[in-house]
Amino acid sequence: MKILIIGGGNMGLTYARSFVRAHITSRLDLRLLARSPERVAALAAHEIGTVWGSPAECVPGASIIILAVKPQDSKALFEKLRMYVQPHQVMLSIMAGVRIETLRAALGTPKVIRAMPNLPAQIGMGMTAFTSTDEVTRAELVQVQNLLSTTGKTVYVEDESAIDASTAISGSGPAYVYYCMGALMDAATQMGFAPAEAELLVSQTFRGAVELYSQSGLSCADWIAKVASKGGTTEAALKAFGAGAVREGLMAGAGAARDRAEELGK
């Protein structure tokens, strides 16, 4: 399986390292395409695969092409790629907001998979939602899912609109977690803890809470009930959250992220 990754940023390098580490492909069969001589040299220094500076040299021989560039750079990229893309090649895009119909029209290719990974993919703990056109065969879909699974968990969705929803939940989600962690760290320092102590208290609490949830069959409500005794400290905090509409605010934020993802697609 000859894989070409276009874009040598964080996600492009994450995929390259994960594919080689999982022995899904070899360094000989992995190709990377960069747009500047400086970036070509920088990527070559990683010794992950063969690095190219021109699509003419590496696009035709690839079986799967991964588009890992910024969405705002997509139009210029499409113009350079179109003449080299072949109908049998599978195009996997992780560009936020770039719709399948746009990819098909711009590249003239029927086999398109659109995926939305998130930041924890960099440490193999990512969450990726993906969907595809009907022309992608089942075998090809399994191949791509195996690739994506090297960076964490995956879920296939039938409707492309669910990709915008996953962008709002898992794609942007890490920032929501850091937002909540930051607020609790600020609260801890206001209560007299040193910044390093506040960071330890909060980060370990989040890590432990998520691990407890992952290892059980209990819901979030079940775990809240286990922590919050009647008339206790946790109940007081939850009442304050309710008065401040914290839950509603988080849900509204996710909705705003989904709406923005839909706008970007247009």
Protein backbone atom coordinates (compact mmCIF):
# COMPACT_ATOMS: atom_id res chain seq x y z
CA MET A 1 0.00 0.00 0.00
CA LYS A 2 1.72 3.15 -1.25
CA ILE A 3 0.60 6.15 0.79
CA LEU A 4 1.18 9.79 -0.03
CA ILE A 5 0.73 12.40 2.69
CA ILE A 6 0.37 15.95 1.41
CA GLY A 7 1.26 18.42 4.14
CA GLY A 8 4.03 18.03 6.66
CA GLY A 9 2.46 19.81 9.62
CA ASN A 10 1.51 18.27 12.96
CA MET A 11 -1.16 15.92 11.64
CA GLY A 12 0.80 14.93 8.55
CA LEU A 13 3.78 13.93 10.67
CA THR A 14 1.50 12.26 13.22
CA TYR A 15 0.05 10.01 10.53
CA ALA A 16 3.45 9.27 8.99
CA ARG A 17 4.93 8.20 12.32
CA SER A 18 1.85 6.19 13.31
CA PHE A 19 1.67 4.28 10.01
CA VAL A 20 5.33 3.28 10.15
CA ARG A 21 5.19 2.43 13.86
CA ALA A 22 2.14 0.20 13.29
CA HIS A 23 3.89 -1.50 10.31
CA ILE A 24 0.96 -0.66 8.06
CA THR A 25 3.42 0.69 5.54
CA SER A 26 7.18 0.91 5.26
CA ARG A 27 9.39 3.94 4.90
CA LEU A 28 9.98 2.86 1.30
CA ASP A 29 6.27 2.96 0.47
CA LEU A 30 5.48 6.13 2.41
CA ARG A 31 5.72 9.43 0.56
CA LEU A 32 5.36 13.01 1.75
CA LEU A 33 4.78 16.07 -0.40
CA ALA A 34 5.82 19.53 0.78
CA ARG A 35 5.44 22.81 -1.05
CA SER A 36 8.79 24.49 -0.32
CA PRO A 37 12.43 23.34 -0.55
CA GLU A 38 12.90 24.31 3.11
CA ARG A 39 10.01 22.13 4.21
CA VAL A 40 11.19 19.26 2.03
CA ALA A 41 14.56 19.38 3.77
CA ALA A 42 12.96 19.60 7.22
CA LEU A 43 10.72 16.57 6.56
CA ALA A 44 13.56 14.56 5.06
CA ALA A 45 15.49 15.02 8.30
CA HIS A 46 12.81 12.94 10.10
CA GLU A 47 13.69 9.94 7.87
CA ILE A 48 10.09 8.70 7.88
CA GLY A 49 9.62 8.28 4.14
CA THR A 50 10.54 9.73 0.77
CA VAL A 51 9.90 13.46 0.60
CA TRP A 52 8.98 15.18 -2.66
CA GLY A 53 8.58 18.79 -3.70
CA SER A 54 6.51 18.23 -6.84
CA PRO A 55 3.17 16.38 -7.26
CA ALA A 56 4.22 15.13 -10.71
CA GLU A 57 6.83 12.92 -9.08
CA CYS A 58 4.78 11.28 -6.34
CA VAL A 59 1.01 11.53 -6.96
CA PRO A 60 0.60 9.05 -9.87
CA GLY A 61 2.09 6.07 -8.01
CA ALA A 62 0.12 6.45 -4.78
CA SER A 63 -2.84 4.24 -3.91
CA ILE A 64 -4.05 6.41 -1.02
CA ILE A 65 -3.51 10.18 -0.91
CA ILE A 66 -3.99 11.99 2.39
CA LEU A 67 -4.76 15.70 2.22
CA ALA A 68 -3.41 17.18 5.47
CA VAL A 69 -3.11 20.86 4.62
CA LYS A 70 -4.91 23.89 6.00
CA PRO A 71 -8.37 24.43 4.48
CA GLN A 72 -7.41 27.91 3.29
CA ASP A 73 -4.64 26.34 1.19
CA SER A 74 -6.96 23.82 -0.47
CA LYS A 75 -7.80 25.78 -3.62
CA ALA A 76 -4.16 26.26 -4.60
CA LEU A 77 -3.46 22.61 -3.79
CA PHE A 78 -6.33 21.36 -5.95
CA GLU A 79 -5.04 23.30 -8.94
CA LYS A 80 -1.63 21.62 -8.63
CA LEU A 81 -3.00 18.11 -8.06
CA ARG A 82 -5.89 17.78 -10.48
CA MET A 83 -3.90 16.83 -13.59
CA TYR A 84 -2.12 14.01 -11.74
CA VAL A 85 -4.98 12.43 -9.77
CA GLN A 86 -6.35 9.15 -11.19
CA PRO A 87 -9.88 7.70 -10.71
CA HIS A 88 -8.69 4.56 -8.90
CA GLN A 89 -6.88 6.49 -6.16
CA VAL A 90 -8.52 6.96 -2.76
CA MET A 91 -8.47 10.55 -1.54
CA LEU A 92 -8.56 10.93 2.26
CA SER A 93 -9.11 14.50 3.42
CA ILE A 94 -8.71 15.76 6.98
CA MET A 95 -9.25 19.39 5.98
CA ALA A 96 -11.90 20.90 8.26
CA GLY A 97 -14.93 22.28 6.45
CA VAL A 98 -13.98 21.10 2.95
CA ARG A 99 -16.93 19.04 1.74
CA ILE A 100 -16.85 15.87 -0.30
CA GLU A 101 -18.64 17.48 -3.25
CA THR A 102 -15.96 20.20 -3.30
CA LEU A 103 -13.20 17.58 -3.33
CA ARG A 104 -14.84 15.57 -6.09
CA ALA A 105 -15.40 18.60 -8.28
CA ALA A 106 -11.97 20.11 -7.70
CA LEU A 107 -9.97 16.91 -8.19
CA GLY A 108 -12.22 15.00 -10.58
CA THR A 109 -12.02 11.87 -8.48
CA PRO A 110 -14.91 9.63 -7.32
CA LYS A 111 -13.23 7.90 -4.36
CA VAL A 112 -13.25 10.39 -1.51
CA ILE A 113 -13.13 9.84 2.25
CA ARG A 114 -13.55 12.77 4.61
CA ALA A 115 -12.30 12.45 8.18
CA MET A 116 -12.12 14.64 11.26
CA PRO A 117 -9.38 13.67 13.74
CA ASN A 118 -8.54 15.59 16.89
CA LEU A 119 -5.39 16.72 18.67
CA PRO A 120 -4.88 13.65 20.95
CA ALA A 121 -4.19 11.67 17.77
CA GLN A 122 -0.63 12.91 18.28
CA ILE A 123 -0.25 10.52 21.23
CA GLY A 124 -2.39 7.68 19.88
CA MET A 125 -5.43 8.73 21.91
CA GLY A 126 -7.35 10.48 19.14
CA MET A 127 -10.98 10.28 18.09
CA THR A 128 -11.71 10.33 14.36
CA ALA A 129 -15.09 10.36 12.62
CA PHE A 130 -15.09 9.58 8.90
CA THR A 131 -17.42 9.05 5.95
CA SER A 132 -17.02 8.21 2.27
CA THR A 133 -18.50 8.29 -1.20
CA ASP A 134 -20.25 5.19 -2.54
CA GLU A 135 -17.42 4.54 -5.00
CA VAL A 136 -15.01 3.64 -2.18
CA THR A 137 -14.99 -0.14 -1.91
CA ARG A 138 -15.43 -1.97 1.37
CA ALA A 139 -11.83 -3.20 1.21
CA GLU A 140 -10.56 0.34 0.66
CA LEU A 141 -12.70 1.62 3.53
CA VAL A 142 -11.24 -1.02 5.85
CA GLN A 143 -7.73 -0.05 4.74
CA VAL A 144 -8.36 3.60 5.56
CA GLN A 145 -10.01 2.77 8.88
CA ASN A 146 -6.92 0.75 9.81
CA LEU A 147 -4.77 3.76 8.97
CA LEU A 148 -6.89 6.12 11.06
CA SER A 149 -7.03 3.66 13.94
CA THR A 150 -3.26 3.87 14.38
CA THR A 151 -3.90 7.25 16.06
CA GLY A 152 -6.77 6.19 18.35
CA LYS A 153 -10.47 5.35 18.03
CA THR A 154 -12.61 5.75 14.91
CA VAL A 155 -16.30 5.88 14.05
CA TYR A 156 -17.84 5.66 10.58
CA VAL A 157 -20.84 7.92 9.90
CA GLU A 158 -23.23 7.55 6.98
CA ASP A 159 -24.22 11.21 6.69
CA GLU A 160 -21.56 13.81 5.96
CA SER A 161 -23.38 16.32 8.17
CA ALA A 162 -22.25 14.21 11.13
CA ILE A 163 -18.67 15.22 10.31
CA ASP A 164 -19.56 18.84 11.15
CA ALA A 165 -21.11 17.60 14.40
CA SER A 166 -18.02 15.56 15.23
CA THR A 167 -15.91 18.65 14.53
CA ALA A 168 -17.91 20.46 17.22
CA ILE A 169 -17.71 17.61 19.75
CA SER A 170 -14.44 15.69 19.37
CA GLY A 171 -12.54 17.97 16.99
CA SER A 172 -12.92 21.10 19.12
CA GLY A 173 -13.58 19.10 22.29
CA PRO A 174 -10.04 19.09 23.67
CA ALA A 175 -10.19 22.89 23.86
CA TYR A 176 -13.38 22.65 25.96
CA VAL A 177 -11.59 20.30 28.35
CA TYR A 178 -8.61 22.65 28.64
CA TYR A 179 -11.03 25.54 29.18
CA CYS A 180 -12.60 23.75 32.16
CA MET A 181 -9.20 22.68 33.47
CA GLY A 182 -7.92 26.25 33.22
CA ALA A 183 -10.90 27.57 35.17
CA LEU A 184 -10.34 25.05 37.97
CA MET A 185 -6.61 25.81 38.06
CA ASP A 186 -7.43 29.52 38.42
CA ALA A 187 -9.85 28.67 41.23
CA ALA A 188 -7.17 26.59 42.96
CA THR A 189 -4.60 29.41 42.85
CA GLN A 190 -7.20 31.84 44.20
CA MET A 191 -7.66 29.43 47.09
CA GLY A 192 -3.95 29.61 47.91
CA PHE A 193 -2.32 26.79 45.96
CA ALA A 194 0.89 27.41 44.04
CA PRO A 195 0.47 27.19 40.22
CA ALA A 196 2.35 23.87 40.07
CA GLU A 197 0.17 22.45 42.83
CA ALA A 198 -2.99 23.69 41.10
CA GLU A 199 -1.90 22.06 37.84
CA LEU A 200 -1.24 18.74 39.58
CA LEU A 201 -4.55 18.78 41.46
CA VAL A 202 -6.59 19.49 38.34
CA SER A 203 -4.76 17.38 35.76
CA GLN A 204 -4.71 14.29 37.96
CA THR A 205 -8.37 14.77 38.85
CA PHE A 206 -9.35 14.90 35.17
CA ARG A 207 -7.14 11.92 34.33
CA GLY A 208 -8.55 9.83 37.16
CA ALA A 209 -12.17 10.78 36.48
CA VAL A 210 -11.91 9.87 32.79
CA GLU A 211 -10.21 6.57 33.60
CA LEU A 212 -12.94 5.67 36.12
CA TYR A 213 -15.60 6.45 33.53
CA SER A 214 -13.81 4.42 30.84
CA GLN A 215 -13.47 1.34 33.02
CA SER A 216 -17.11 1.22 34.10
CA GLY A 217 -20.53 0.93 32.56
CA LEU A 218 -21.85 3.88 34.57
CA SER A 219 -23.16 7.10 33.09
CA CYS A 220 -21.95 10.60 33.92
CA ALA A 221 -25.07 11.08 36.05
CA ASP A 222 -24.28 7.88 37.95
CA TRP A 223 -20.76 9.05 38.75
CA ILE A 224 -21.98 12.50 39.79
CA ALA A 225 -24.39 10.84 42.19
CA LYS A 226 -21.51 8.81 43.68
CA VAL A 227 -19.47 11.97 44.33
CA ALA A 228 -22.25 14.36 45.39
CA SER A 229 -23.72 13.60 48.80
CA LYS A 230 -26.84 15.48 49.89
CA GLY A 231 -25.99 18.79 51.49
CA GLY A 232 -22.29 18.34 50.78
CA THR A 233 -19.58 20.33 49.02
CA THR A 234 -20.11 18.82 45.55
CA GLU A 235 -23.82 19.56 45.67
CA ALA A 236 -23.03 23.18 46.50
CA ALA A 237 -20.77 23.41 43.46
CA LEU A 238 -23.34 21.77 41.18
CA LYS A 239 -26.01 24.22 42.34
CA ALA A 240 -23.67 27.09 41.49
CA PHE A 241 -23.04 25.56 38.06
CA GLY A 242 -26.79 25.34 37.53
CA ALA A 243 -27.35 28.94 38.56
CA GLY A 244 -24.63 30.01 36.14
CA ALA A 245 -26.06 27.85 33.33
CA VAL A 246 -22.68 26.16 32.87
CA ARG A 247 -24.16 23.03 31.27
CA GLU A 248 -26.29 25.07 28.87
CA GLY A 249 -23.29 27.23 28.04
CA LEU A 250 -21.18 24.23 27.08
CA MET A 251 -23.98 22.82 24.93
CA ALA A 252 -24.48 26.20 23.25
CA GLY A 253 -20.75 26.41 22.58
CA ALA A 254 -20.75 23.02 20.87
CA GLY A 255 -23.73 24.14 18.79
CA ALA A 256 -21.90 27.30 17.75
CA ALA A 257 -18.88 25.20 16.71
CA ARG A 258 -21.09 22.96 14.57
CA ASP A 259 -22.76 25.97 12.93
CA ARG A 260 -19.34 27.44 12.12
CA ALA A 261 -18.18 24.14 10.63
CA GLU A 262 -21.24 24.17 8.36
CA GLU A 263 -20.54 27.78 7.36
CA LEU A 264 -16.94 26.94 6.47
CA GLY A 265 -18.19 24.13 4.25
CA LYS A 266 -20.23 26.60 2.24
